[in-house]
Amino acid sequence: GGSLRLSCAASGRTLGTNAMGWFRQAPGKEREFVAGITWNYGFR
């Protein structure tokens, strides 16, 4: 029921990036897509 806020800062050569996102992986499970956002229009 609680909340957390994750942050991710990209550095270095970011030219060409069209989206950033989050994935997660629980023990014994495949890595799964959680959320993404495009860099131009901010489509979520």
PDB file of all heavy atoms in Angstrom:
ATOM      1  N   GLY A   1       0.788  -1.215   0.000  1.00  0.00           N
ATOM      2  CA  GLY A   1       0.000   0.000   0.000  1.00  0.00           C
ATOM      3  C   GLY A   1       0.821   1.266   0.000  1.00  0.00           C
ATOM      4  O   GLY A   1       0.278   2.355  -0.223  1.00  0.00           O
ATOM      5  N   GLY A   2       2.108   1.136   0.223  1.00  0.00           N
ATOM      6  CA  GLY A   2       2.985   2.289   0.259  1.00  0.00           C
ATOM      7  C   GLY A   2       3.448   2.718  -1.115  1.00  0.00           C
ATOM      8  O   GLY A   2       3.019   2.186  -2.142  1.00  0.00           O
ATOM      9  N   SER A   3       4.361   3.680  -1.121  1.00  0.00           N
ATOM     10  CA  SER A   3       4.830   4.276  -2.366  1.00  0.00           C
ATOM     11  C   SER A   3       6.344   4.402  -2.383  1.00  0.00           C
ATOM     12  O   SER A   3       6.991   4.532  -1.345  1.00  0.00           O
ATOM     13  CB  SER A   3       4.223   5.671  -2.560  1.00  0.00           C
ATOM     14  OG  SER A   3       2.816   5.624  -2.644  1.00  0.00           O
ATOM     15  N   LEU A   4       6.890   4.366  -3.578  1.00  0.00           N
ATOM     16  CA  LEU A   4       8.293   4.637  -3.819  1.00  0.00           C
ATOM     17  C   LEU A   4       8.420   5.406  -5.125  1.00  0.00           C
ATOM     18  O   LEU A   4       7.575   5.278  -6.009  1.00  0.00           O
ATOM     19  CB  LEU A   4       9.120   3.355  -3.916  1.00  0.00           C
ATOM     20  CG  LEU A   4       9.424   2.585  -2.641  1.00  0.00           C
ATOM     21  CD1 LEU A   4      10.094   1.259  -2.991  1.00  0.00           C
ATOM     22  CD2 LEU A   4      10.316   3.398  -1.715  1.00  0.00           C
ATOM     23  N   ARG A   5       9.481   6.169  -5.237  1.00  0.00           N
ATOM     24  CA  ARG A   5       9.769   6.894  -6.460  1.00  0.00           C
ATOM     25  C   ARG A   5      11.182   6.565  -6.913  1.00  0.00           C
ATOM     26  O   ARG A   5      12.150   6.863  -6.211  1.00  0.00           O
ATOM     27  CB  ARG A   5       9.623   8.396  -6.256  1.00  0.00           C
ATOM     28  CG  ARG A   5       9.760   9.231  -7.534  1.00  0.00           C
ATOM     29  CD  ARG A   5       9.556  10.696  -7.231  1.00  0.00           C
ATOM     30  NE  ARG A   5       9.495  11.528  -8.417  1.00  0.00           N
ATOM     31  CZ  ARG A   5      10.339  12.519  -8.688  1.00  0.00           C
ATOM     32  NH1 ARG A   5      11.326  12.806  -7.846  1.00  0.00           N
ATOM     33  NH2 ARG A   5      10.193  13.232  -9.793  1.00  0.00           N
ATOM     34  N   LEU A   6      11.291   5.955  -8.068  1.00  0.00           N
ATOM     35  CA  LEU A   6      12.574   5.613  -8.640  1.00  0.00           C
ATOM     36  C   LEU A   6      13.033   6.700  -9.599  1.00  0.00           C
ATOM     37  O   LEU A   6      12.223   7.307 -10.293  1.00  0.00           O
ATOM     38  CB  LEU A   6      12.497   4.284  -9.394  1.00  0.00           C
ATOM     39  CG  LEU A   6      11.950   3.074  -8.628  1.00  0.00           C
ATOM     40  CD1 LEU A   6      12.021   1.833  -9.514  1.00  0.00           C
ATOM     41  CD2 LEU A   6      12.699   2.859  -7.331  1.00  0.00           C
ATOM     42  N   SER A   7      14.333   6.912  -9.641  1.00  0.00           N
ATOM     43  CA  SER A   7      14.920   7.878 -10.549  1.00  0.00           C
ATOM     44  C   SER A   7      16.028   7.218 -11.343  1.00  0.00           C
ATOM     45  O   SER A   7      16.714   6.324 -10.849  1.00  0.00           O
ATOM     46  CB  SER A   7      15.490   9.082  -9.786  1.00  0.00           C
ATOM     47  OG  SER A   7      14.488   9.761  -9.065  1.00  0.00           O
ATOM     48  N   CYS A   8      16.214   7.680 -12.556  1.00  0.00           N
ATOM     49  CA  CYS A   8      17.285   7.182 -13.406  1.00  0.00           C
ATOM     50  C   CYS A   8      17.803   8.319 -14.261  1.00  0.00           C
ATOM     51  O   CYS A   8      17.060   8.883 -15.069  1.00  0.00           O
ATOM     52  CB  CYS A   8      16.787   6.041 -14.287  1.00  0.00           C
ATOM     53  SG  CYS A   8      18.004   5.435 -15.474  1.00  0.00           S
ATOM     54  N   ALA A   9      19.063   8.636 -14.091  1.00  0.00           N
ATOM     55  CA  ALA A   9      19.705   9.689 -14.860  1.00  0.00           C
ATOM     56  C   ALA A   9      20.660   9.078 -15.875  1.00  0.00           C
ATOM     57  O   ALA A   9      21.519   8.272 -15.515  1.00  0.00           O
ATOM     58  CB  ALA A   9      20.451  10.645 -13.941  1.00  0.00           C
ATOM     59  N   ALA A  10      20.501   9.464 -17.117  1.00  0.00           N
ATOM     60  CA  ALA A  10      21.362   8.986 -18.185  1.00  0.00           C
ATOM     61  C   ALA A  10      22.465  10.002 -18.448  1.00  0.00           C
ATOM     62  O   ALA A  10      22.218  11.203 -18.511  1.00  0.00           O
ATOM     63  CB  ALA A  10      20.562   8.743 -19.461  1.00  0.00           C
ATOM     64  N   SER A  11      23.666   9.505 -18.602  1.00  0.00           N
ATOM     65  CA  SER A  11      24.803  10.362 -18.910  1.00  0.00           C
ATOM     66  C   SER A  11      25.623   9.744 -20.024  1.00  0.00           C
ATOM     67  O   SER A  11      25.391   8.612 -20.443  1.00  0.00           O
ATOM     68  CB  SER A  11      25.661  10.593 -17.665  1.00  0.00           C
ATOM     69  OG  SER A  11      26.185   9.371 -17.180  1.00  0.00           O
ATOM     70  N   GLY A  12      26.608  10.493 -20.489  1.00  0.00           N
ATOM     71  CA  GLY A  12      27.407  10.030 -21.605  1.00  0.00           C
ATOM     72  C   GLY A  12      26.724  10.356 -22.922  1.00  0.00           C
ATOM     73  O   GLY A  12      26.029  11.353 -23.044  1.00  0.00           O
ATOM     74  N   ARG A  13      26.913   9.493 -23.893  1.00  0.00           N
ATOM     75  CA  ARG A  13      26.372   9.721 -25.220  1.00  0.00           C
ATOM     76  C   ARG A  13      24.924   9.277 -25.295  1.00  0.00           C
ATOM     77  O   ARG A  13      24.633   8.083 -25.431  1.00  0.00           O
ATOM     78  CB  ARG A  13      27.211   8.995 -26.272  1.00  0.00           C
ATOM     79  CG  ARG A  13      26.886   9.413 -27.691  1.00  0.00           C
ATOM     80  CD  ARG A  13      27.727   8.679 -28.708  1.00  0.00           C
ATOM     81  NE  ARG A  13      27.512   9.172 -30.051  1.00  0.00           N
ATOM     82  CZ  ARG A  13      26.522   8.791 -30.844  1.00  0.00           C
ATOM     83  NH1 ARG A  13      25.641   7.903 -30.412  1.00  0.00           N
ATOM     84  NH2 ARG A  13      26.414   9.304 -32.061  1.00  0.00           N
ATOM     85  N   THR A  14      24.019  10.239 -25.204  1.00  0.00           N
ATOM     86  CA  THR A  14      22.590   9.949 -25.249  1.00  0.00           C
ATOM     87  C   THR A  14      21.964  10.255 -26.604  1.00  0.00           C
ATOM     88  O   THR A  14      20.765  10.050 -26.788  1.00  0.00           O
ATOM     89  CB  THR A  14      21.836  10.730 -24.163  1.00  0.00           C
ATOM     90  OG1 THR A  14      22.046  12.135 -24.347  1.00  0.00           O
ATOM     91  CG2 THR A  14      22.321  10.337 -22.780  1.00  0.00           C
ATOM     92  N   LEU A  15      22.753  10.738 -27.538  1.00  0.00           N
ATOM     93  CA  LEU A  15      22.245  11.052 -28.866  1.00  0.00           C
ATOM     94  C   LEU A  15      21.647   9.805 -29.501  1.00  0.00           C
ATOM     95  O   LEU A  15      22.274   8.739 -29.509  1.00  0.00           O
ATOM     96  CB  LEU A  15      23.360  11.611 -29.745  1.00  0.00           C
ATOM     97  CG  LEU A  15      22.966  12.078 -31.146  1.00  0.00           C
ATOM     98  CD1 LEU A  15      22.033  13.276 -31.066  1.00  0.00           C
ATOM     99  CD2 LEU A  15      24.201  12.414 -31.963  1.00  0.00           C
ATOM    100  N   GLY A  16      20.452   9.944 -30.024  1.00  0.00           N
ATOM    101  CA  GLY A  16      19.772   8.824 -30.643  1.00  0.00           C
ATOM    102  C   GLY A  16      18.759   8.134 -29.753  1.00  0.00           C
ATOM    103  O   GLY A  16      17.995   7.288 -30.226  1.00  0.00           O
ATOM    104  N   THR A  17      18.737   8.486 -28.495  1.00  0.00           N
ATOM    105  CA  THR A  17      17.769   7.902 -27.579  1.00  0.00           C
ATOM    106  C   THR A  17      16.357   8.319 -27.971  1.00  0.00           C
ATOM    107  O   THR A  17      16.080   9.497 -28.146  1.00  0.00           O
ATOM    108  CB  THR A  17      18.054   8.341 -26.138  1.00  0.00           C
ATOM    109  OG1 THR A  17      19.326   7.831 -25.733  1.00  0.00           O
ATOM    110  CG2 THR A  17      16.979   7.831 -25.194  1.00  0.00           C
ATOM    111  N   ASN A  18      15.476   7.345 -28.106  1.00  0.00           N
ATOM    112  CA  ASN A  18      14.092   7.667 -28.430  1.00  0.00           C
ATOM    113  C   ASN A  18      13.113   7.321 -27.313  1.00  0.00           C
ATOM    114  O   ASN A  18      11.949   7.727 -27.368  1.00  0.00           O
ATOM    115  CB  ASN A  18      13.659   7.007 -29.743  1.00  0.00           C
ATOM    116  CG  ASN A  18      13.786   5.499 -29.719  1.00  0.00           C
ATOM    117  OD1 ASN A  18      13.187   4.838 -28.874  1.00  0.00           O
ATOM    118  ND2 ASN A  18      14.550   4.958 -30.657  1.00  0.00           N
ATOM    119  N   ALA A  19      13.585   6.594 -26.312  1.00  0.00           N
ATOM    120  CA  ALA A  19      12.723   6.274 -25.191  1.00  0.00           C
ATOM    121  C   ALA A  19      13.562   5.827 -24.001  1.00  0.00           C
ATOM    122  O   ALA A  19      14.681   5.333 -24.160  1.00  0.00           O
ATOM    123  CB  ALA A  19      11.717   5.174 -25.550  1.00  0.00           C
ATOM    124  N   MET A  20      13.014   6.007 -22.839  1.00  0.00           N
ATOM    125  CA  MET A  20      13.569   5.432 -21.631  1.00  0.00           C
ATOM    126  C   MET A  20      12.450   4.704 -20.908  1.00  0.00           C
ATOM    127  O   MET A  20      11.271   5.042 -21.070  1.00  0.00           O
ATOM    128  CB  MET A  20      14.184   6.500 -20.726  1.00  0.00           C
ATOM    129  CG  MET A  20      15.414   7.165 -21.316  1.00  0.00           C
ATOM    130  SD  MET A  20      16.185   8.374 -20.201  1.00  0.00           S
ATOM    131  CE  MET A  20      16.791   7.286 -18.896  1.00  0.00           C
ATOM    132  N   GLY A  21      12.832   3.720 -20.138  1.00  0.00           N
ATOM    133  CA  GLY A  21      11.802   2.952 -19.473  1.00  0.00           C
ATOM    134  C   GLY A  21      12.318   2.167 -18.291  1.00  0.00           C
ATOM    135  O   GLY A  21      13.482   2.276 -17.896  1.00  0.00           O
ATOM    136  N   TRP A  22      11.408   1.394 -17.742  1.00  0.00           N
ATOM    137  CA  TRP A  22      11.698   0.566 -16.581  1.00  0.00           C
ATOM    138  C   TRP A  22      11.270  -0.865 -16.827  1.00  0.00           C
ATOM    139  O   TRP A  22      10.192  -1.124 -17.381  1.00  0.00           O
ATOM    140  CB  TRP A  22      10.975   1.092 -15.342  1.00  0.00           C
ATOM    141  CG  TRP A  22      11.465   2.433 -14.882  1.00  0.00           C
ATOM    142  CD1 TRP A  22      10.985   3.655 -15.227  1.00  0.00           C
ATOM    143  CD2 TRP A  22      12.549   2.662 -13.982  1.00  0.00           C
ATOM    144  NE1 TRP A  22      11.701   4.642 -14.599  1.00  0.00           N
ATOM    145  CE2 TRP A  22      12.662   4.065 -13.830  1.00  0.00           C
ATOM    146  CE3 TRP A  22      13.422   1.832 -13.285  1.00  0.00           C
ATOM    147  CZ2 TRP A  22      13.633   4.648 -13.007  1.00  0.00           C
ATOM    148  CZ3 TRP A  22      14.386   2.410 -12.476  1.00  0.00           C
ATOM    149  CH2 TRP A  22      14.476   3.801 -12.344  1.00  0.00           C
ATOM    150  N   PHE A  23      12.115  -1.781 -16.415  1.00  0.00           N
ATOM    151  CA  PHE A  23      11.828  -3.201 -16.413  1.00  0.00           C
ATOM    152  C   PHE A  23      12.029  -3.725 -15.001  1.00  0.00           C
ATOM    153  O   PHE A  23      12.644  -3.067 -14.161  1.00  0.00           O
ATOM    154  CB  PHE A  23      12.745  -3.950 -17.382  1.00  0.00           C
ATOM    155  CG  PHE A  23      12.476  -3.668 -18.832  1.00  0.00           C
ATOM    156  CD1 PHE A  23      12.790  -2.443 -19.394  1.00  0.00           C
ATOM    157  CD2 PHE A  23      11.925  -4.650 -19.642  1.00  0.00           C
ATOM    158  CE1 PHE A  23      12.555  -2.185 -20.733  1.00  0.00           C
ATOM    159  CE2 PHE A  23      11.688  -4.400 -20.986  1.00  0.00           C
ATOM    160  CZ  PHE A  23      11.997  -3.173 -21.530  1.00  0.00           C
ATOM    161  N   ARG A  24      11.521  -4.913 -14.748  1.00  0.00           N
ATOM    162  CA  ARG A  24      11.754  -5.526 -13.456  1.00  0.00           C
ATOM    163  C   ARG A  24      11.910  -7.027 -13.612  1.00  0.00           C
ATOM    164  O   ARG A  24      11.418  -7.626 -14.565  1.00  0.00           O
ATOM    165  CB  ARG A  24      10.627  -5.210 -12.474  1.00  0.00           C
ATOM    166  CG  ARG A  24       9.282  -5.828 -12.819  1.00  0.00           C
ATOM    167  CD  ARG A  24       8.208  -5.323 -11.866  1.00  0.00           C
ATOM    168  NE  ARG A  24       6.914  -5.939 -12.129  1.00  0.00           N
ATOM    169  CZ  ARG A  24       5.782  -5.586 -11.538  1.00  0.00           C
ATOM    170  NH1 ARG A  24       5.783  -4.608 -10.624  1.00  0.00           N
ATOM    171  NH2 ARG A  24       4.642  -6.197 -11.838  1.00  0.00           N
ATOM    172  N   GLN A  25      12.586  -7.617 -12.655  1.00  0.00           N
ATOM    173  CA  GLN A  25      12.795  -9.047 -12.661  1.00  0.00           C
ATOM    174  C   GLN A  25      12.724  -9.573 -11.240  1.00  0.00           C
ATOM    175  O   GLN A  25      13.499  -9.163 -10.376  1.00  0.00           O
ATOM    176  CB  GLN A  25      14.140  -9.409 -13.289  1.00  0.00           C
ATOM    177  CG  GLN A  25      14.349 -10.893 -13.470  1.00  0.00           C
ATOM    178  CD  GLN A  25      15.564 -11.202 -14.305  1.00  0.00           C
ATOM    179  OE1 GLN A  25      16.492 -10.400 -14.400  1.00  0.00           O
ATOM    180  NE2 GLN A  25      15.563 -12.371 -14.926  1.00  0.00           N
ATOM    181  N   ALA A  26      11.788 -10.470 -11.023  1.00  0.00           N
ATOM    182  CA  ALA A  26      11.653 -11.150  -9.747  1.00  0.00           C
ATOM    183  C   ALA A  26      12.423 -12.463  -9.802  1.00  0.00           C
ATOM    184  O   ALA A  26      12.644 -13.013 -10.887  1.00  0.00           O
ATOM    185  CB  ALA A  26      10.187 -11.402  -9.430  1.00  0.00           C
ATOM    186  N   PRO A  27      12.825 -12.991  -8.658  1.00  0.00           N
ATOM    187  CA  PRO A  27      13.564 -14.254  -8.647  1.00  0.00           C
ATOM    188  C   PRO A  27      12.814 -15.370  -9.367  1.00  0.00           C
ATOM    189  O   PRO A  27      11.626 -15.582  -9.128  1.00  0.00           O
ATOM    190  CB  PRO A  27      13.712 -14.569  -7.158  1.00  0.00           C
ATOM    191  CG  PRO A  27      13.664 -13.228  -6.498  1.00  0.00           C
ATOM    192  CD  PRO A  27      12.676 -12.430  -7.306  1.00  0.00           C
ATOM    193  N   GLY A  28      13.502 -16.051 -10.259  1.00  0.00           N
ATOM    194  CA  GLY A  28      12.915 -17.156 -10.985  1.00  0.00           C
ATOM    195  C   GLY A  28      11.999 -16.768 -12.123  1.00  0.00           C
ATOM    196  O   GLY A  28      11.391 -17.643 -12.744  1.00  0.00           O
ATOM    197  N   LYS A  29      11.888 -15.488 -12.402  1.00  0.00           N
ATOM    198  CA  LYS A  29      11.005 -15.024 -13.461  1.00  0.00           C
ATOM    199  C   LYS A  29      11.785 -14.264 -14.529  1.00  0.00           C
ATOM    200  O   LYS A  29      12.905 -13.812 -14.303  1.00  0.00           O
ATOM    201  CB  LYS A  29       9.903 -14.136 -12.892  1.00  0.00           C
ATOM    202  CG  LYS A  29       8.944 -14.848 -11.950  1.00  0.00           C
ATOM    203  CD  LYS A  29       7.810 -13.933 -11.530  1.00  0.00           C
ATOM    204  CE  LYS A  29       6.820 -14.657 -10.637  1.00  0.00           C
ATOM    205  NZ  LYS A  29       5.697 -13.762 -10.225  1.00  0.00           N
ATOM    206  N   GLU A  30      11.153 -14.147 -15.682  1.00  0.00           N
ATOM    207  CA  GLU A  30      11.744 -13.394 -16.774  1.00  0.00           C
ATOM    208  C   GLU A  30      11.660 -11.897 -16.494  1.00  0.00           C
ATOM    209  O   GLU A  30      10.758 -11.422 -15.798  1.00  0.00           O
ATOM    210  CB  GLU A  30      11.031 -13.705 -18.087  1.00  0.00           C
ATOM    211  CG  GLU A  30      11.135 -15.145 -18.543  1.00  0.00           C
ATOM    212  CD  GLU A  30      12.513 -15.479 -19.048  1.00  0.00           C
ATOM    213  OE1 GLU A  30      13.189 -14.577 -19.582  1.00  0.00           O
ATOM    214  OE2 GLU A  30      12.919 -16.640 -18.909  1.00  0.00           O
ATOM    215  N   ARG A  31      12.602 -11.177 -17.042  1.00  0.00           N
ATOM    216  CA  ARG A  31      12.530  -9.731 -16.958  1.00  0.00           C
ATOM    217  C   ARG A  31      11.331  -9.238 -17.754  1.00  0.00           C
ATOM    218  O   ARG A  31      11.104  -9.667 -18.882  1.00  0.00           O
ATOM    219  CB  ARG A  31      13.820  -9.108 -17.487  1.00  0.00           C
ATOM    220  CG  ARG A  31      13.891  -7.603 -17.327  1.00  0.00           C
ATOM    221  CD  ARG A  31      15.239  -7.058 -17.774  1.00  0.00           C
ATOM    222  NE  ARG A  31      16.327  -7.578 -16.959  1.00  0.00           N
ATOM    223  CZ  ARG A  31      17.594  -7.210 -17.097  1.00  0.00           C
ATOM    224  NH1 ARG A  31      17.925  -6.306 -18.019  1.00  0.00           N
ATOM    225  NH2 ARG A  31      18.520  -7.741 -16.325  1.00  0.00           N
ATOM    226  N   GLU A  32      10.563  -8.337 -17.167  1.00  0.00           N
ATOM    227  CA  GLU A  32       9.355  -7.868 -17.813  1.00  0.00           C
ATOM    228  C   GLU A  32       9.330  -6.348 -17.916  1.00  0.00           C
ATOM    229  O   GLU A  32       9.859  -5.635 -17.071  1.00  0.00           O
ATOM    230  CB  GLU A  32       8.104  -8.358 -17.072  1.00  0.00           C
ATOM    231  CG  GLU A  32       7.955  -7.798 -15.671  1.00  0.00           C
ATOM    232  CD  GLU A  32       6.641  -8.173 -15.012  1.00  0.00           C
ATOM    233  OE1 GLU A  32       5.703  -8.582 -15.729  1.00  0.00           O
ATOM    234  OE2 GLU A  32       6.547  -8.060 -13.768  1.00  0.00           O
ATOM    235  N   PHE A  33       8.687  -5.896 -18.951  1.00  0.00           N
ATOM    236  CA  PHE A  33       8.493  -4.476 -19.161  1.00  0.00           C
ATOM    237  C   PHE A  33       7.512  -3.924 -18.147  1.00  0.00           C
ATOM    238  O   PHE A  33       6.476  -4.528 -17.877  1.00  0.00           O
ATOM    239  CB  PHE A  33       7.974  -4.236 -20.583  1.00  0.00           C
ATOM    240  CG  PHE A  33       7.579  -2.823 -20.869  1.00  0.00           C
ATOM    241  CD1 PHE A  33       8.523  -1.869 -21.180  1.00  0.00           C
ATOM    242  CD2 PHE A  33       6.247  -2.446 -20.842  1.00  0.00           C
ATOM    243  CE1 PHE A  33       8.168  -0.564 -21.454  1.00  0.00           C
ATOM    244  CE2 PHE A  33       5.868  -1.148 -21.111  1.00  0.00           C
ATOM    245  CZ  PHE A  33       6.842  -0.202 -21.416  1.00  0.00           C
ATOM    246  N   VAL A  34       7.834  -2.769 -17.590  1.00  0.00           N
ATOM    247  CA  VAL A  34       6.971  -2.122 -16.615  1.00  0.00           C
ATOM    248  C   VAL A  34       6.349  -0.851 -17.190  1.00  0.00           C
ATOM    249  O   VAL A  34       5.129  -0.686 -17.183  1.00  0.00           O
ATOM    250  CB  VAL A  34       7.734  -1.777 -15.322  1.00  0.00           C
ATOM    251  CG1 VAL A  34       6.844  -1.005 -14.354  1.00  0.00           C
ATOM    252  CG2 VAL A  34       8.265  -3.049 -14.664  1.00  0.00           C
ATOM    253  N   ALA A  35       7.185   0.041 -17.669  1.00  0.00           N
ATOM    254  CA  ALA A  35       6.702   1.315 -18.188  1.00  0.00           C
ATOM    255  C   ALA A  35       7.753   1.939 -19.086  1.00  0.00           C
ATOM    256  O   ALA A  35       8.947   1.727 -18.898  1.00  0.00           O
ATOM    257  CB  ALA A  35       6.351   2.276 -17.047  1.00  0.00           C
ATOM    258  N   GLY A  36       7.307   2.717 -20.045  1.00  0.00           N
ATOM    259  CA  GLY A  36       8.218   3.415 -20.932  1.00  0.00           C
ATOM    260  C   GLY A  36       7.655   4.761 -21.328  1.00  0.00           C
ATOM    261  O   GLY A  36       6.441   4.993 -21.249  1.00  0.00           O
ATOM    262  N   ILE A  37       8.545   5.641 -21.762  1.00  0.00           N
ATOM    263  CA  ILE A  37       8.129   6.962 -22.207  1.00  0.00           C
ATOM    264  C   ILE A  37       9.018   7.391 -23.356  1.00  0.00           C
ATOM    265  O   ILE A  37      10.242   7.279 -23.292  1.00  0.00           O
ATOM    266  CB  ILE A  37       8.153   7.976 -21.040  1.00  0.00           C
ATOM    267  CG1 ILE A  37       7.612   9.338 -21.489  1.00  0.00           C
ATOM    268  CG2 ILE A  37       9.554   8.106 -20.447  1.00  0.00           C
ATOM    269  CD1 ILE A  37       7.323  10.269 -20.331  1.00  0.00           C
ATOM    270  N   THR A  38       8.413   7.869 -24.436  1.00  0.00           N
ATOM    271  CA  THR A  38       9.191   8.337 -25.568  1.00  0.00           C
ATOM    272  C   THR A  38       9.766   9.706 -25.272  1.00  0.00           C
ATOM    273  O   THR A  38       9.233  10.472 -24.463  1.00  0.00           O
ATOM    274  CB  THR A  38       8.355   8.385 -26.853  1.00  0.00           C
ATOM    275  OG1 THR A  38       7.314   9.359 -26.722  1.00  0.00           O
ATOM    276  CG2 THR A  38       7.742   7.028 -27.154  1.00  0.00           C
ATOM    277  N   TRP A  39      10.874  10.009 -25.935  1.00  0.00           N
ATOM    278  CA  TRP A  39      11.594  11.238 -25.645  1.00  0.00           C
ATOM    279  C   TRP A  39      11.078  12.441 -26.406  1.00  0.00           C
ATOM    280  O   TRP A  39      11.380  13.575 -26.045  1.00  0.00           O
ATOM    281  CB  TRP A  39      13.082  11.034 -25.925  1.00  0.00           C
ATOM    282  CG  TRP A  39      13.953  11.684 -24.907  1.00  0.00           C
ATOM    283  CD1 TRP A  39      14.876  12.660 -25.128  1.00  0.00           C
ATOM    284  CD2 TRP A  39      13.979  11.416 -23.501  1.00  0.00           C
ATOM    285  NE1 TRP A  39      15.479  13.016 -23.954  1.00  0.00           N
ATOM    286  CE2 TRP A  39      14.953  12.267 -22.933  1.00  0.00           C
ATOM    287  CE3 TRP A  39      13.285  10.530 -22.669  1.00  0.00           C
ATOM    288  CZ2 TRP A  39      15.230  12.261 -21.568  1.00  0.00           C
ATOM    289  CZ3 TRP A  39      13.557  10.531 -21.311  1.00  0.00           C
ATOM    290  CH2 TRP A  39      14.526  11.386 -20.778  1.00  0.00           C
ATOM    291  N   ASN A  40      10.322  12.213 -27.463  1.00  0.00           N
ATOM    292  CA  ASN A  40       9.830  13.335 -28.254  1.00  0.00           C
ATOM    293  C   ASN A  40       8.483  13.849 -27.764  1.00  0.00           C
ATOM    294  O   ASN A  40       8.367  15.012 -27.344  1.00  0.00           O
ATOM    295  CB  ASN A  40       9.776  12.967 -29.738  1.00  0.00           C
ATOM    296  CG  ASN A  40       9.098  11.627 -29.990  1.00  0.00           C
ATOM    297  OD1 ASN A  40       8.542  11.017 -29.095  1.00  0.00           O
ATOM    298  ND2 ASN A  40       9.161  11.180 -31.244  1.00  0.00           N
ATOM    299  N   TYR A  41       7.468  13.008 -27.796  1.00  0.00           N
ATOM    300  CA  TYR A  41       6.136  13.427 -27.397  1.00  0.00           C
ATOM    301  C   TYR A  41       5.765  13.025 -25.973  1.00  0.00           C
ATOM    302  O   TYR A  41       4.706  13.418 -25.476  1.00  0.00           O
ATOM    303  CB  TYR A  41       5.096  12.873 -28.362  1.00  0.00           C
ATOM    304  CG  TYR A  41       5.256  13.376 -29.774  1.00  0.00           C
ATOM    305  CD1 TYR A  41       5.706  12.542 -30.788  1.00  0.00           C
ATOM    306  CD2 TYR A  41       4.964  14.701 -30.092  1.00  0.00           C
ATOM    307  CE1 TYR A  41       5.863  13.009 -32.075  1.00  0.00           C
ATOM    308  CE2 TYR A  41       5.118  15.172 -31.381  1.00  0.00           C
ATOM    309  CZ  TYR A  41       5.566  14.317 -32.368  1.00  0.00           C
ATOM    310  OH  TYR A  41       5.713  14.783 -33.654  1.00  0.00           O
ATOM    311  N   GLY A  42       6.606  12.259 -25.328  1.00  0.00           N
ATOM    312  CA  GLY A  42       6.301  11.812 -23.983  1.00  0.00           C
ATOM    313  C   GLY A  42       5.184  10.793 -23.934  1.00  0.00           C
ATOM    314  O   GLY A  42       4.455  10.732 -22.933  1.00  0.00           O
ATOM    315  N   PHE A  43       5.042  10.013 -24.988  1.00  0.00           N
ATOM    316  CA  PHE A  43       4.029   8.968 -24.997  1.00  0.00           C
ATOM    317  C   PHE A  43       4.378   7.897 -23.972  1.00  0.00           C
ATOM    318  O   PHE A  43       5.506   7.405 -23.940  1.00  0.00           O
ATOM    319  CB  PHE A  43       3.913   8.343 -26.389  1.00  0.00           C
ATOM    320  CG  PHE A  43       2.906   7.252 -26.477  1.00  0.00           C
ATOM    321  CD1 PHE A  43       1.559   7.541 -26.603  1.00  0.00           C
ATOM    322  CD2 PHE A  43       3.291   5.922 -26.429  1.00  0.00           C
ATOM    323  CE1 PHE A  43       0.619   6.539 -26.686  1.00  0.00           C
ATOM    324  CE2 PHE A  43       2.364   4.910 -26.504  1.00  0.00           C
ATOM    325  CZ  PHE A  43       1.016   5.224 -26.632  1.00  0.00           C
ATOM    326  N   ARG A  44       3.403   7.532 -23.173  1.00  0.00           N
ATOM    327  CA  ARG A  44       3.612   6.593 -22.083  1.00  0.00           C
ATOM    328  C   ARG A  44       2.954   5.254 -22.357  1.00  0.00           C
ATOM    329  O   ARG A  44       1.880   5.189 -22.949  1.00  0.00           O
ATOM    330  CB  ARG A  44       3.064   7.159 -20.777  1.00  0.00           C
ATOM    331  CG  ARG A  44       3.780   8.413 -20.293  1.00  0.00           C
ATOM    332  CD  ARG A  44       2.984   9.102 -19.210  1.00  0.00           C
ATOM    333  NE  ARG A  44       3.727  10.182 -18.570  1.00  0.00           N
ATOM    334  CZ  ARG A  44       3.815  11.412 -19.044  1.00  0.00           C
ATOM    335  NH1 ARG A  44       3.222  11.740 -20.182  1.00  0.00           N
ATOM    336  NH2 ARG A  44       4.504  12.340 -18.386  1.00  0.00           N
TER     337      ARG A  44
END
